[in-house]
Each structure stands twice: as C-alpha cells, then as structure tokens.
C-alpha cells in the first residue's frame, strides 16, 4: 500500500476550508450551509447524474434529510451548480434570483459549493478517503454584507469598486468570507492571488508554465467559460 505525501500548507488550507463550510455565514445558517455542502457532495458522487435540464425535485431523487431546510428550487440549483456548472446561463440565474434566493445568499451558496468541490476533487483525485463534514455551527447568520454594485462581466453584484480586478477574482466578493476561502485554497492548490502577475513564480514543484498548462487543459475539459 503506497502512501501519498501531502504538503502541510495544502492540508492546512483544505482543513480550514472544510471547517468553514458548516460555519455561520452572512446570509445562511450553519444548517443551511451544511445542507448545501451535503447536496453538492451527493451531486458530485452521483453515479448516474441527471441531465442539466432535469432537476432532482422533478426526478423524485431522494435528498439528505438535512437538506429539507432548503427550498426545492435551491436544492435543484445546488445540484446543477455542483454537477453542471458549465451549463448555467444568465437567464437561469435571473429566474432563480427573482423567485427563490437573494443575491447575497446566492453568492454565499456558490462559495460553499466551490470550496466543497475543490476539497472533494483533491481527495477524489488522490484516491484518499474524503473527510466527513464537520459539525454544524448553530445560530443565526451574522448579516454583514459589503457595499456592492453591478459589474461588467459578472452576473452577480460585486463589492465596490466593480471591475477594478478581473471578473473571476471579484466574482464572490459580495461574500467576503467565501472570497477569503477561495484565496486560501488558491494559494495552496494553485498560486497566491498577489503572485498572479509573476510568470516565473514557482513553489519548487511545477513551474508556472506547467501549472497553466494543467489549468488550461482542465478548464477545457470542464467547459470553463473563463
């Protein structure tokens, strides 16, 4: 049996991101965030994934008991974001916001799903057992939101000033805590945000060019717009 050596900074970043998943958010309770995480994992684990245009509620799929704290529309959105992110459209987003969830909660939800997918993807690719989700933190959302405005390339509102950085960097800025988790994971799994402009950057493993080649191939396979 072979052992996989994991860099300490990578293990620490993923453990911290995992801890934050079920913590209290600005718009969502710990129970709601935990339900979103569990639904995202169920979507990623699904051996017979539904087509993007078929929702779990329409298909009568069973859901984790804890997911009952979320509306059917939000449960369906979590499944589609986790499993079929490349199929999302601005029209789909507009309808969801108009009927089922406010923009701040949506951004927070996406942040939770992104963190879950990143950590799960690492353990899946490494052939290691995924850790269980931590215990849910009780209490009410803290309700602290930044000042936001519309952006040129983002569907969601972003923290002011809009368009001061790349669209992909400001995408979750309406939820600073989720944005901080993305920075944490990016620094360990990819490259620190403040080193993006340094084309020769390396942590002593893959070169920057090799990292970008892997990222480009993965983005193409995942049909990533950016």
Protein backbone atom coordinates (compact mmCIF):
# COMPACT_ATOMS: atom_id res chain seq x y z
CA UNK A 1 0.00 0.00 0.00
CA UNK A 2 1.53 3.31 -1.09
CA UNK A 3 1.32 6.46 0.98
CA UNK A 4 0.55 9.87 -0.52
CA UNK A 5 2.60 12.74 0.88
CA UNK A 6 0.55 15.93 1.18
CA UNK A 7 2.24 19.30 1.62
CA UNK A 8 1.49 20.68 5.11
CA UNK A 9 0.25 24.02 3.73
CA UNK A 10 -2.14 22.22 1.37
CA UNK A 11 -3.51 20.01 4.14
CA UNK A 12 -3.95 23.03 6.42
CA UNK A 13 -5.74 25.10 3.77
CA UNK A 14 -8.16 22.30 2.95
CA UNK A 15 -8.86 21.58 6.61
CA UNK A 16 -9.64 25.24 7.22
CA UNK A 17 -11.87 25.47 4.13
CA UNK A 18 -13.70 22.31 5.25
CA UNK A 19 -14.21 23.80 8.71
CA UNK A 20 -15.72 26.96 7.25
CA UNK A 21 -18.26 25.07 5.14
CA UNK A 22 -20.62 24.42 8.05
CA UNK A 23 -19.91 27.63 9.95
CA UNK A 24 -22.33 30.55 10.17
CA UNK A 25 -22.47 32.78 7.11
CA UNK A 26 -23.64 36.29 6.37
CA UNK A 27 -26.93 35.13 4.79
CA UNK A 28 -27.09 31.40 5.55
CA UNK A 29 -27.22 29.46 8.80
CA UNK A 30 -24.74 26.72 9.57
CA UNK A 31 -27.53 24.19 8.96
CA UNK A 32 -28.27 25.67 5.52
CA UNK A 33 -24.60 25.73 4.60
CA UNK A 34 -24.19 22.13 5.76
CA UNK A 35 -27.21 21.11 3.69
CA UNK A 36 -25.74 22.84 0.62
CA UNK A 37 -22.44 21.04 1.19
CA UNK A 38 -24.13 17.65 1.57
CA UNK A 39 -26.21 18.20 -1.56
CA UNK A 40 -23.14 19.27 -3.52
CA UNK A 41 -21.30 16.13 -2.43
CA UNK A 42 -24.32 14.00 -3.36
CA UNK A 43 -24.31 15.59 -6.83
CA UNK A 44 -20.57 15.02 -7.24
CA UNK A 45 -20.92 11.41 -6.02
CA UNK A 46 -23.97 10.66 -8.20
CA UNK A 47 -23.12 7.56 -10.31
CA UNK A 48 -25.98 8.34 -12.70
CA UNK A 49 -26.05 12.14 -12.85
CA UNK A 50 -29.18 13.83 -14.08
CA UNK A 51 -29.04 15.85 -17.27
CA UNK A 52 -28.68 19.61 -16.70
CA UNK A 53 -32.27 20.25 -17.73
CA UNK A 54 -33.66 17.66 -15.27
CA UNK A 55 -33.86 18.80 -11.66
CA UNK A 56 -33.64 16.41 -8.70
CA UNK A 57 -37.08 17.51 -7.48
CA UNK A 58 -38.61 16.76 -10.90
CA UNK A 59 -36.89 13.39 -11.00
CA UNK A 60 -38.00 12.49 -7.49
CA UNK A 61 -34.47 11.94 -6.26
CA UNK A 62 -34.01 11.37 -2.54
CA UNK A 63 -32.16 14.11 -0.70
CA UNK A 64 -30.21 14.10 2.57
CA UNK A 65 -32.59 14.62 5.49
CA UNK A 66 -30.78 17.82 6.45
CA UNK A 67 -31.49 19.32 3.02
CA UNK A 68 -35.12 19.85 3.99
CA UNK A 69 -34.09 23.24 5.40
CA UNK A 70 -33.66 24.43 1.79
CA UNK A 71 -36.42 25.06 -0.73
CA UNK A 72 -36.79 22.67 -3.65
CA UNK A 73 -35.64 25.41 -6.03
CA UNK A 74 -32.44 25.98 -4.07
CA UNK A 75 -31.80 22.23 -3.79
CA UNK A 76 -32.13 21.94 -7.56
CA UNK A 77 -29.77 24.89 -8.03
CA UNK A 78 -27.14 23.32 -5.78
CA UNK A 79 -27.21 20.09 -7.78
CA UNK A 80 -26.86 21.90 -11.10
CA UNK A 81 -24.08 24.20 -9.93
CA UNK A 82 -22.12 21.31 -8.42
CA UNK A 83 -22.60 18.90 -11.32
CA UNK A 84 -23.22 21.04 -14.40
CA UNK A 85 -21.66 24.45 -13.77
CA UNK A 86 -20.78 24.86 -17.46
CA UNK A 87 -24.48 24.83 -18.38
CA UNK A 88 -25.54 27.80 -16.23
CA UNK A 89 -26.93 30.81 -18.07
CA UNK A 90 -27.65 34.36 -17.07
CA UNK A 91 -31.34 33.74 -17.72
CA UNK A 92 -31.29 30.78 -15.33
CA UNK A 93 -29.58 32.94 -12.71
CA UNK A 94 -32.06 35.81 -13.16
CA UNK A 95 -35.01 33.45 -12.69
CA UNK A 96 -33.51 31.92 -9.56
CA UNK A 97 -32.86 35.34 -8.03
CA UNK A 98 -36.34 36.58 -8.92
CA UNK A 99 -38.10 33.58 -7.39
CA UNK A 100 -36.02 31.68 -4.87
CA UNK A 101 -32.97 33.31 -3.30
CA UNK A 102 -31.44 36.77 -2.86
CA UNK A 103 -28.15 37.73 -4.45
CA UNK A 104 -26.06 37.71 -1.27
CA UNK A 105 -27.30 34.24 -0.33
CA UNK A 106 -26.68 33.02 -3.89
CA UNK A 107 -23.07 34.19 -3.85
CA UNK A 108 -22.55 32.56 -0.46
CA UNK A 109 -24.09 29.34 -1.73
CA UNK A 110 -21.76 29.29 -4.74
CA UNK A 111 -18.81 29.87 -2.41
CA UNK A 112 -19.77 26.88 -0.27
CA UNK A 113 -20.16 24.66 -3.35
CA UNK A 114 -16.82 25.84 -4.76
CA UNK A 115 -15.00 25.02 -1.52
CA UNK A 116 -16.65 21.60 -1.31
CA UNK A 117 -15.81 20.80 -4.93
CA UNK A 118 -12.18 21.86 -4.52
CA UNK A 119 -11.55 19.77 -1.42
CA UNK A 120 -13.57 16.80 -2.69
CA UNK A 121 -11.76 16.93 -6.03
CA UNK A 122 -8.39 16.73 -4.33
CA UNK A 123 -9.31 13.69 -2.25
CA UNK A 124 -11.03 12.03 -5.20
CA UNK A 125 -8.04 12.53 -7.50
CA UNK A 126 -5.60 11.40 -4.80
CA UNK A 127 -7.54 8.23 -4.08
CA UNK A 128 -7.82 9.24 -0.43
CA UNK A 129 -10.91 8.98 1.76
CA UNK A 130 -12.78 12.26 1.93
CA UNK A 131 -13.13 13.59 5.46
CA UNK A 132 -16.65 13.88 6.88
CA UNK A 133 -18.16 17.32 7.09
CA UNK A 134 -17.59 18.98 10.46
CA UNK A 135 -20.39 19.53 12.94
CA UNK A 136 -22.84 22.28 12.07
CA UNK A 137 -22.45 25.57 13.92
CA UNK A 138 -25.75 26.72 15.42
CA UNK A 139 -27.03 30.28 15.38
CA UNK A 140 -28.31 32.96 13.03
CA UNK A 141 -26.48 34.44 10.03
CA UNK A 142 -24.42 37.46 11.05
CA UNK A 143 -25.94 39.65 8.32
CA UNK A 144 -22.83 41.70 7.49
CA UNK A 145 -22.65 42.49 3.77
CA UNK A 146 -20.31 44.75 1.82
CA UNK A 147 -21.48 47.59 -0.40
CA UNK A 148 -21.98 46.17 -3.89
CA UNK A 149 -22.68 47.31 -7.42
CA UNK A 150 -23.21 45.81 -10.86
CA UNK A 151 -20.16 44.61 -12.80
CA UNK A 152 -19.42 44.45 -16.50
CA UNK A 153 -18.80 40.71 -16.86
CA UNK A 154 -20.27 39.23 -13.65
CA UNK A 155 -23.94 38.31 -13.36
CA UNK A 156 -23.83 38.83 -9.61
CA UNK A 157 -23.22 42.20 -7.95
CA UNK A 158 -19.68 42.61 -6.63
CA UNK A 159 -18.03 44.63 -3.87
CA UNK A 160 -17.25 48.21 -4.86
CA UNK A 161 -15.40 49.30 -6.86
CA UNK A 162 -16.64 46.96 -9.59
CA UNK A 163 -14.27 45.93 -12.40
CA UNK A 164 -11.15 47.03 -10.52
CA UNK A 165 -9.85 43.46 -10.85
CA UNK A 166 -10.54 40.54 -13.18
CA UNK A 167 -14.11 39.24 -13.24
CA UNK A 168 -13.05 35.84 -11.92
CA UNK A 169 -11.28 37.47 -8.96
CA UNK A 170 -14.22 39.68 -7.94
CA UNK A 171 -16.91 37.08 -8.60
CA UNK A 172 -17.55 36.13 -4.96
CA UNK A 173 -16.64 39.49 -3.44
CA UNK A 174 -20.24 40.12 -2.32
CA UNK A 175 -19.47 37.42 0.26
CA UNK A 176 -16.02 38.36 1.65
CA UNK A 177 -15.76 35.23 3.80
CA UNK A 178 -16.29 32.96 0.79
CA UNK A 179 -13.85 35.07 -1.23
CA UNK A 180 -11.29 34.60 1.54
CA UNK A 181 -11.78 30.82 1.36
CA UNK A 182 -11.18 30.92 -2.39
CA UNK A 183 -7.96 32.87 -1.80
CA UNK A 184 -6.90 30.35 0.85
CA UNK A 185 -7.46 27.36 -1.42
CA UNK A 186 -5.99 29.08 -4.48
CA UNK A 187 -2.79 29.92 -2.63
CA UNK A 188 -2.29 26.27 -1.67
CA UNK A 189 -3.73 24.48 -4.70
CA UNK A 190 -2.70 26.92 -7.41
CA UNK A 191 -0.95 30.25 -6.82
CA UNK A 192 -1.44 33.14 -4.38
CA UNK A 193 -3.54 35.98 -5.80
CA UNK A 194 -0.77 38.52 -5.31
CA UNK A 195 1.65 36.38 -7.37
CA UNK A 196 -0.61 36.12 -10.44
CA UNK A 197 1.44 38.65 -12.37
CA UNK A 198 4.73 36.82 -11.75
CA UNK A 199 5.07 34.43 -14.70
CA UNK A 200 8.18 32.82 -13.25
CA UNK A 201 6.58 32.04 -9.88
CA UNK A 202 7.04 28.52 -8.51
CA UNK A 203 6.84 26.84 -5.11
CA UNK A 204 9.57 24.45 -6.20
CA UNK A 205 7.34 21.80 -7.76
CA UNK A 206 5.67 22.58 -11.09
CA UNK A 207 6.81 25.67 -12.97
CA UNK A 208 4.28 28.41 -13.64
CA UNK A 209 4.09 27.31 -17.27
CA UNK A 210 3.40 23.71 -16.31
CA UNK A 211 0.74 24.83 -13.85
CA UNK A 212 -1.00 26.93 -16.51
CA UNK A 213 -0.89 24.04 -18.98
CA UNK A 214 -2.66 21.78 -16.47
CA UNK A 215 -5.16 24.56 -15.65
CA UNK A 216 -5.89 25.21 -19.33
CA UNK A 217 -6.44 21.53 -20.09
CA UNK A 218 -8.73 21.15 -17.07
CA UNK A 219 -10.66 24.30 -17.98
CA UNK A 220 -11.24 22.97 -21.49
CA UNK A 221 -12.38 19.59 -20.17
CA UNK A 222 -14.75 21.30 -17.72
CA UNK A 223 -16.00 23.75 -20.38
CA UNK A 224 -14.99 26.67 -18.19
CA UNK A 225 -16.04 29.97 -19.80
CA UNK A 226 -13.22 31.94 -18.21
